[in-house]
Each structure stands twice: as structure tokens, then as C-alpha cells.
C-alpha atoms as a PDB file:
ATOM      1  CA  MET A   1     -58.105   6.443 -21.456  1.00  0.00           C
ATOM      2  CA  HIS A   2     -61.697   5.331 -22.146  1.00  0.00           C
ATOM      3  CA  SER A   3     -62.345   1.687 -21.828  1.00  0.00           C
ATOM      4  CA  PRO A   4     -63.200  -0.007 -25.144  1.00  0.00           C
ATOM      5  CA  ARG A   5     -65.679  -2.023 -24.121  1.00  0.00           C
ATOM      6  CA  HIS A   6     -68.377   0.880 -23.467  1.00  0.00           C
ATOM      7  CA  GLU A   7     -67.689   2.741 -26.678  1.00  0.00           C
ATOM      8  CA  THR A   8     -70.992   3.625 -28.843  1.00  0.00           C
ATOM      9  CA  GLY A   9     -69.507   5.262 -31.563  1.00  0.00           C
ATOM     10  CA  PRO A  10     -68.419   3.387 -34.825  1.00  0.00           C
ATOM     11  CA  PRO A  11     -64.838   2.629 -34.889  1.00  0.00           C
ATOM     12  CA  ASP A  12     -62.681   5.021 -37.404  1.00  0.00           C
ATOM     13  CA  LEU A  13     -60.371   2.788 -39.641  1.00  0.00           C
ATOM     14  CA  THR A  14     -60.549   4.827 -42.454  1.00  0.00           C
ATOM     15  CA  THR A  15     -57.336   6.899 -40.931  1.00  0.00           C
ATOM     16  CA  PRO A  16     -53.997   5.039 -40.152  1.00  0.00           C
ATOM     17  CA  GLU A  17     -54.714   7.135 -36.181  1.00  0.00           C
ATOM     18  CA  GLY A  18     -58.296   5.662 -36.738  1.00  0.00           C
ATOM     19  CA  PHE A  19     -57.051   2.592 -36.838  1.00  0.00           C
ATOM     20  CA  GLY A  20     -53.870   2.832 -34.498  1.00  0.00           C
ATOM     21  CA  ALA A  21     -55.942   3.749 -32.155  1.00  0.00           C
ATOM     22  CA  PHE A  22     -58.673   1.121 -32.246  1.00  0.00           C
ATOM     23  CA  TYR A  23     -55.959  -1.609 -32.816  1.00  0.00           C
ATOM     24  CA  GLU A  24     -54.015  -0.296 -29.299  1.00  0.00           C
ATOM     25  CA  ASP A  25     -57.384  -0.307 -27.637  1.00  0.00           C
ATOM     26  CA  HIS A  26     -58.780  -3.735 -28.634  1.00  0.00           C
ATOM     27  CA  ILE A  27     -55.548  -6.058 -29.050  1.00  0.00           C
ATOM     28  CA  ASP A  28     -55.500  -7.625 -25.881  1.00  0.00           C
ATOM     29  CA  ALA A  29     -58.423  -8.838 -25.910  1.00  0.00           C
ATOM     30  CA  VAL A  30     -58.398 -10.097 -29.129  1.00  0.00           C
ATOM     31  CA  LEU A  31     -55.110 -11.416 -28.395  1.00  0.00           C
ATOM     32  CA  GLY A  32     -56.392 -13.092 -25.891  1.00  0.00           C
ATOM     33  CA  PHE A  33     -59.751 -14.233 -27.422  1.00  0.00           C
ATOM     34  CA  VAL A  34     -56.609 -16.224 -29.868  1.00  0.00           C
ATOM     35  CA  THR A  35     -54.223 -17.537 -27.624  1.00  0.00           C
ATOM     36  CA  ARG A  36     -57.161 -19.216 -25.890  1.00  0.00           C
ATOM     37  CA  ARG A  37     -58.187 -21.106 -28.919  1.00  0.00           C
ATOM     38  CA  VAL A  38     -54.791 -22.041 -30.518  1.00  0.00           C
ATOM     39  CA  ALA A  39     -51.390 -23.340 -28.581  1.00  0.00           C
ATOM     40  CA  ASP A  40     -48.893 -21.800 -31.501  1.00  0.00           C
ATOM     41  CA  PRO A  41     -47.401 -18.366 -31.368  1.00  0.00           C
ATOM     42  CA  HIS A  42     -46.721 -17.833 -35.021  1.00  0.00           C
ATOM     43  CA  LEU A  43     -50.502 -19.190 -35.915  1.00  0.00           C
ATOM     44  CA  ALA A  44     -51.619 -16.688 -33.155  1.00  0.00           C
ATOM     45  CA  ALA A  45     -49.963 -13.439 -34.529  1.00  0.00           C
ATOM     46  CA  ASP A  46     -51.146 -14.338 -37.593  1.00  0.00           C
ATOM     47  CA  LEU A  47     -54.519 -14.579 -36.983  1.00  0.00           C
ATOM     48  CA  THR A  48     -54.909 -11.669 -34.640  1.00  0.00           C
ATOM     49  CA  ALA A  49     -53.470  -9.830 -37.660  1.00  0.00           C
ATOM     50  CA  ASP A  50     -56.018 -11.591 -39.788  1.00  0.00           C
ATOM     51  CA  ILE A  51     -59.108 -10.277 -37.424  1.00  0.00           C
ATOM     52  CA  PHE A  52     -57.682  -6.998 -37.785  1.00  0.00           C
ATOM     53  CA  LEU A  53     -57.896  -6.898 -41.377  1.00  0.00           C
ATOM     54  CA  ALA A  54     -61.171  -8.024 -41.726  1.00  0.00           C
ATOM     55  CA  ALA A  55     -62.361  -5.567 -39.651  1.00  0.00           C
ATOM     56  CA  MET A  56     -60.455  -2.981 -41.737  1.00  0.00           C
ATOM     57  CA  GLY A  57     -62.392  -4.233 -44.926  1.00  0.00           C
ATOM     58  CA  SER A  58     -65.918  -4.663 -43.087  1.00  0.00           C
ATOM     59  CA  ALA A  59     -65.293  -1.343 -40.885  1.00  0.00           C
ATOM     60  CA  GLY A  60     -68.110   0.026 -43.503  1.00  0.00           C
ATOM     61  CA  ALA A  61     -70.767  -2.459 -41.791  1.00  0.00           C
ATOM     62  CA  TYR A  62     -70.590  -2.067 -38.262  1.00  0.00           C
ATOM     63  CA  ARG A  63     -73.685  -0.788 -36.756  1.00  0.00           C
ATOM     64  CA  SER A  64     -73.365   1.044 -33.250  1.00  0.00           C
ATOM     65  CA  HIS A  65     -76.950   0.260 -32.623  1.00  0.00           C
ATOM     66  CA  ARG A  66     -76.125  -3.394 -32.670  1.00  0.00           C
ATOM     67  CA  GLY A  67     -73.779  -3.408 -30.011  1.00  0.00           C
ATOM     68  CA  VAL A  68     -70.395  -2.339 -28.818  1.00  0.00           C
ATOM     69  CA  PRO A  69     -67.227  -2.442 -31.350  1.00  0.00           C
ATOM     70  CA  VAL A  70     -65.754  -5.206 -29.050  1.00  0.00           C
ATOM     71  CA  ALA A  71     -68.487  -7.589 -29.652  1.00  0.00           C
ATOM     72  CA  TRP A  72     -68.496  -7.016 -33.189  1.00  0.00           C
ATOM     73  CA  LEU A  73     -64.486  -7.603 -33.350  1.00  0.00           C
ATOM     74  CA  PHE A  74     -65.249 -11.101 -31.527  1.00  0.00           C
ATOM     75  CA  GLY A  75     -67.834 -12.061 -33.951  1.00  0.00           C
ATOM     76  CA  ILE A  76     -65.424 -11.444 -37.058  1.00  0.00           C
ATOM     77  CA  ALA A  77     -62.946 -12.919 -34.668  1.00  0.00           C
ATOM     78  CA  ARG A  78     -65.185 -16.084 -34.737  1.00  0.00           C
ATOM     79  CA  ASN A  79     -65.763 -16.200 -37.930  1.00  0.00           C
ATOM     80  CA  VAL A  80     -61.953 -16.131 -39.229  1.00  0.00           C
ATOM     81  CA  LEU A  81     -60.371 -18.774 -36.727  1.00  0.00           C
ATOM     82  CA  SER A  82     -63.843 -20.810 -37.906  1.00  0.00           C
ATOM     83  CA  GLY A  83     -62.370 -20.141 -41.298  1.00  0.00           C
ATOM     84  CA  HIS A  84     -58.609 -21.152 -39.981  1.00  0.00           C
ATOM     85  CA  ALA A  85     -60.211 -24.200 -38.904  1.00  0.00           C
ATOM     86  CA  ARG A  86     -62.090 -25.497 -41.843  1.00  0.00           C
ATOM     87  CA  GLY A  87     -59.135 -24.505 -44.175  1.00  0.00           C
ATOM     88  CA  LEU A  88     -61.229 -22.320 -46.232  1.00  0.00           C
ATOM     89  CA  ALA A  89     -58.786 -20.279 -48.430  1.00  0.00           C
ATOM     90  CA  ARG A  90     -55.651 -21.678 -46.661  1.00  0.00           C
ATOM     91  CA  GLU A  91     -53.789 -21.716 -49.820  1.00  0.00           C
ATOM     92  CA  SER A  92     -54.560 -18.982 -51.392  1.00  0.00           C
ATOM     93  CA  GLY A  93     -54.165 -16.638 -48.582  1.00  0.00           C
ATOM     94  CA  ALA A  94     -50.717 -17.476 -47.147  1.00  0.00           C
ATOM     95  CA  LEU A  95     -48.464 -16.068 -50.096  1.00  0.00           C
ATOM     96  CA  ALA A  96     -50.575 -12.495 -49.313  1.00  0.00           C
ATOM     97  CA  ARG A  97     -50.243 -12.913 -45.981  1.00  0.00           C
ATOM     98  CA  LEU A  98     -46.901 -13.272 -46.144  1.00  0.00           C
ATOM     99  CA  SER A  99     -45.576 -11.156 -48.731  1.00  0.00           C
ATOM    100  CA  GLY A 100     -44.293  -7.826 -47.209  1.00  0.00           C
ATOM    101  CA  ARG A 101     -45.142  -9.147 -43.525  1.00  0.00           C
ATOM    102  CA  ARG A 102     -42.060  -9.297 -40.760  1.00  0.00           C
ATOM    103  CA  LEU A 103     -41.121 -12.556 -39.220  1.00  0.00           C
ATOM    104  CA  LEU A 104     -41.486 -12.623 -35.669  1.00  0.00           C
ATOM    105  CA  ASP A 105     -38.120 -12.431 -33.783  1.00  0.00           C
ATOM    106  CA  ASP A 106     -37.560 -14.430 -30.988  1.00  0.00           C
ATOM    107  CA  GLU A 107     -38.496 -11.615 -28.691  1.00  0.00           C
ATOM    108  CA  ASP A 108     -41.970 -12.002 -30.343  1.00  0.00           C
ATOM    109  CA  VAL A 109     -41.899 -15.583 -30.255  1.00  0.00           C
ATOM    110  CA  ALA A 110     -41.499 -15.250 -26.356  1.00  0.00           C
ATOM    111  CA  ALA A 111     -43.498 -13.130 -25.778  1.00  0.00           C
ATOM    112  CA  LEU A 112     -46.514 -14.819 -27.230  1.00  0.00           C
ATOM    113  CA  GLU A 113     -45.326 -18.590 -25.832  1.00  0.00           C
ATOM    114  CA  GLU A 114     -45.481 -17.185 -22.461  1.00  0.00           C
ATOM    115  CA  ARG A 115     -49.136 -15.336 -23.213  1.00  0.00           C
ATOM    116  CA  ILE A 116     -49.997 -19.303 -24.617  1.00  0.00           C
ATOM    117  CA  ASP A 117     -48.691 -20.792 -21.601  1.00  0.00           C
ATOM    118  CA  ALA A 118     -50.802 -18.610 -19.279  1.00  0.00           C
ATOM    119  CA  GLU A 119     -54.159 -20.025 -21.240  1.00  0.00           C
ATOM    120  CA  ARG A 120     -52.946 -23.477 -20.468  1.00  0.00           C
ATOM    121  CA  ALA A 121     -55.003 -23.724 -17.944  1.00  0.00           C
ATOM    122  CA  PHE A 122     -58.410 -22.733 -19.858  1.00  0.00           C
ATOM    123  CA  ARG A 123     -57.154 -25.314 -22.760  1.00  0.00           C
ATOM    124  CA  ASP A 124     -57.316 -27.816 -19.635  1.00  0.00           C
ATOM    125  CA  LEU A 125     -60.882 -26.729 -18.998  1.00  0.00           C
ATOM    126  CA  ALA A 126     -61.805 -26.517 -22.865  1.00  0.00           C
ATOM    127  CA  GLU A 127     -60.676 -30.155 -23.013  1.00  0.00           C
ATOM    128  CA  ARG A 128     -63.457 -31.193 -19.914  1.00  0.00           C
ATOM    129  CA  HIS A 129     -66.347 -29.326 -21.620  1.00  0.00           C
ATOM    130  CA  ALA A 130     -65.377 -30.226 -25.247  1.00  0.00           C
ATOM    131  CA  ALA A 131     -68.868 -32.834 -24.865  1.00  0.00           C
ATOM    132  CA  LEU A 132     -71.105 -29.207 -25.115  1.00  0.00           C
ATOM    133  CA  SER A 133     -72.484 -28.908 -28.444  1.00  0.00           C
ATOM    134  CA  GLU A 134     -70.725 -26.164 -30.630  1.00  0.00           C
ATOM    135  CA  PRO A 135     -73.331 -23.687 -29.757  1.00  0.00           C
ATOM    136  CA  LEU A 136     -73.453 -23.796 -26.185  1.00  0.00           C
ATOM    137  CA  ARG A 137     -69.814 -23.897 -25.947  1.00  0.00           C
ATOM    138  CA  ALA A 138     -69.723 -20.177 -27.763  1.00  0.00           C
ATOM    139  CA  ALA A 139     -72.365 -18.590 -25.613  1.00  0.00           C
ATOM    140  CA  LEU A 140     -70.307 -19.927 -22.841  1.00  0.00           C
ATOM    141  CA  ASP A 141     -67.043 -18.788 -24.347  1.00  0.00           C
ATOM    142  CA  LEU A 142     -68.129 -15.427 -25.231  1.00  0.00           C
ATOM    143  CA  VAL A 143     -70.210 -14.403 -21.412  1.00  0.00           C
ATOM    144  CA  VAL A 144     -67.504 -16.548 -19.199  1.00  0.00           C
ATOM    145  CA  LEU A 145     -64.310 -16.140 -20.720  1.00  0.00           C
ATOM    146  CA  ASP A 146     -64.046 -13.047 -22.987  1.00  0.00           C
ATOM    147  CA  GLN A 147     -66.548 -11.477 -20.552  1.00  0.00           C
ATOM    148  CA  LEU A 148     -69.147 -10.167 -23.053  1.00  0.00           C
ATOM    149  CA  THR A 149     -72.157  -9.261 -21.891  1.00  0.00           C
ATOM    150  CA  PRO A 150     -75.193 -11.643 -22.839  1.00  0.00           C
ATOM    151  CA  ALA A 151     -76.334  -9.419 -25.395  1.00  0.00           C
ATOM    152  CA  GLU A 152     -73.030  -8.280 -26.536  1.00  0.00           C
ATOM    153  CA  ALA A 153     -72.374 -12.620 -27.062  1.00  0.00           C
ATOM    154  CA  ALA A 154     -76.140 -12.547 -28.783  1.00  0.00           C
ATOM    155  CA  GLN A 155     -74.647  -9.623 -31.395  1.00  0.00           C
ATOM    156  CA  ALA A 156     -71.712 -11.712 -31.920  1.00  0.00           C
ATOM    157  CA  LEU A 157     -73.074 -15.174 -32.963  1.00  0.00           C
ATOM    158  CA  GLY A 158     -76.119 -13.274 -34.849  1.00  0.00           C
ATOM    159  CA  ILE A 159     -79.516 -14.959 -32.681  1.00  0.00           C
ATOM    160  CA  THR A 160     -81.144 -13.194 -29.597  1.00  0.00           C
ATOM    161  CA  GLN A 161     -80.253 -13.054 -26.341  1.00  0.00           C
ATOM    162  CA  ALA A 162     -83.117 -15.300 -25.010  1.00  0.00           C
ATOM    163  CA  THR A 163     -81.202 -18.036 -26.696  1.00  0.00           C
ATOM    164  CA  VAL A 164     -77.576 -16.612 -25.869  1.00  0.00           C
ATOM    165  CA  ARG A 165     -79.253 -17.090 -21.702  1.00  0.00           C
ATOM    166  CA  VAL A 166     -80.827 -20.768 -22.251  1.00  0.00           C
ATOM    167  CA  ARG A 167     -77.524 -22.054 -24.100  1.00  0.00           C
ATOM    168  CA  LEU A 168     -75.570 -20.652 -20.800  1.00  0.00           C
ATOM    169  CA  HIS A 169     -78.265 -22.012 -18.607  1.00  0.00           C
ATOM    170  CA  ARG A 170     -78.153 -25.739 -20.915  1.00  0.00           C
ATOM    171  CA  ALA A 171     -74.071 -25.286 -20.439  1.00  0.00           C
ATOM    172  CA  ARG A 172     -73.536 -24.362 -16.979  1.00  0.00           C
ATOM    173  CA  ARG A 173     -76.133 -27.513 -16.414  1.00  0.00           C
ATOM    174  CA  ALA A 174     -74.117 -29.829 -18.272  1.00  0.00           C
ATOM    175  CA  LEU A 175     -70.334 -28.826 -16.713  1.00  0.00           C
ATOM    176  CA  SER A 176     -71.836 -28.904 -13.447  1.00  0.00           C
ATOM    177  CA  GLY A 177     -73.138 -32.947 -13.913  1.00  0.00           C
ATOM    178  CA  VAL A 178     -76.570 -32.276 -13.032  1.00  0.00           C
ATOM    179  CA  ALA A 179     -79.013 -33.934 -15.253  1.00  0.00           C
ATOM    180  CA  PRO A 180     -82.512 -32.181 -16.824  1.00  0.00           C
ATOM    181  CA  GLY A 181     -84.980 -32.163 -13.841  1.00  0.00           C
ATOM    182  CA  ALA A 182     -82.383 -33.348 -11.176  1.00  0.00           C
ATOM    183  CA  GLY A 183     -83.414 -30.269  -9.230  1.00  0.00           C
ATOM    184  CA  ARG A 184     -86.467 -30.757  -9.058  1.00  0.00           C
ATOM    185  CA  GLN A 185     -86.151 -33.777  -7.861  1.00  0.00           C
ATOM    186  CA  LEU A 186     -83.336 -32.732  -5.058  1.00  0.00           C
ATOM    187  CA  GLU A 187     -85.908 -30.681  -4.225  1.00  0.00           C
ATOM    188  CA  ALA A 188     -89.039 -33.152  -3.455  1.00  0.00           C
ATOM    189  CA  ALA A 189     -86.516 -35.299  -1.803  1.00  0.00           C
ATOM    190  CA  ARG A 190     -85.890 -32.837   1.145  1.00  0.00           C
END
């Protein structure tokens, strides 16, 4: 089996087989992305489904020269989660999302709760780094937590790779508690 992080061709989401293979390759990465950000298993399942529905709807917009499918998918995931957080289109989409969908059974809920519990340490750390600005947190999360390269993170965020590297440096410096210029002051004191 190939690694979905190193795919180079566009995802085939036009056939049931192509979508099934794409889903199987990426479900763990997307579910991990979502469960690190939400604590409710039903919400995690709904958002994950919405991410794949959005990917199906925008498959024609994928451009392989801009990066790998997983980075494209994480960009979609960020947009879906942001849309949810703002509450945009919740009322109009609620009936459509629930229509014809099977409810989660106890086993599904238990599996999602187990996964959410496993991600609890991340949520505790997320509370400690909540003081970071959203752009710094976004770059840090995509590279450190979601294990994208800076180039892939830049693609998902729609910014340059240099900007991602600057944001990573600033975020790490802020999390370590080192003030700007403190490194130079420490060197001068030695």
C-alpha cells in the first residue's frame, strides 16, 4: 500500500471506487485532524463527513502542481472547521446533513470517545498555547501536529513557504517563553 502523504496525482473522486480508495487513504488523517479540535464524537463524525463531501464537490479544483492531496484535504478541513466555528450555514445545512444518514451506534460512539480521550493531552496543550495568534497557531498545528511539511502547510493556508517558516519561528519562540532578542542578550552575557 502506498503512503497518501506522497501521492502526486489528482484524487479520483468521480467514481465510487476512486472515492472509496481516497477515503480509506485519508480517513485517519482527517479524523485525527478533527478530533484534535473537537471533543464531541457526534460532531467529529459530522465534520469529518462534511470534509469529504466538500472534497468531492471541489475535486475539480485540485491542482497537483500545488502539492499533495493530503495538504489539499487539510485546507478543506480547516475551512469546514472554521465555517462550523462561525456557525455559518448551520441552520440551512442541518436538515440536509441529517437526511438519509444513519445514526451512530454505541460502538461508533465508543470508538470516537476513545479517540477523543487519546487526543486529550493535545487539547490540554492547546489551552496553554491559546495565547498565540490564529495565524501562528494554524502554521504550528499543520506542521507539528498534522505533520505537513512547511511547503504543504503553505499550500493549505494559501500563503508562501517563507511566511510559514516565520510563523513557526515566532510560535516556537512564544511557546518557549523566550522574548525577541533574548537569545542575543544571553550570548552577549556569556
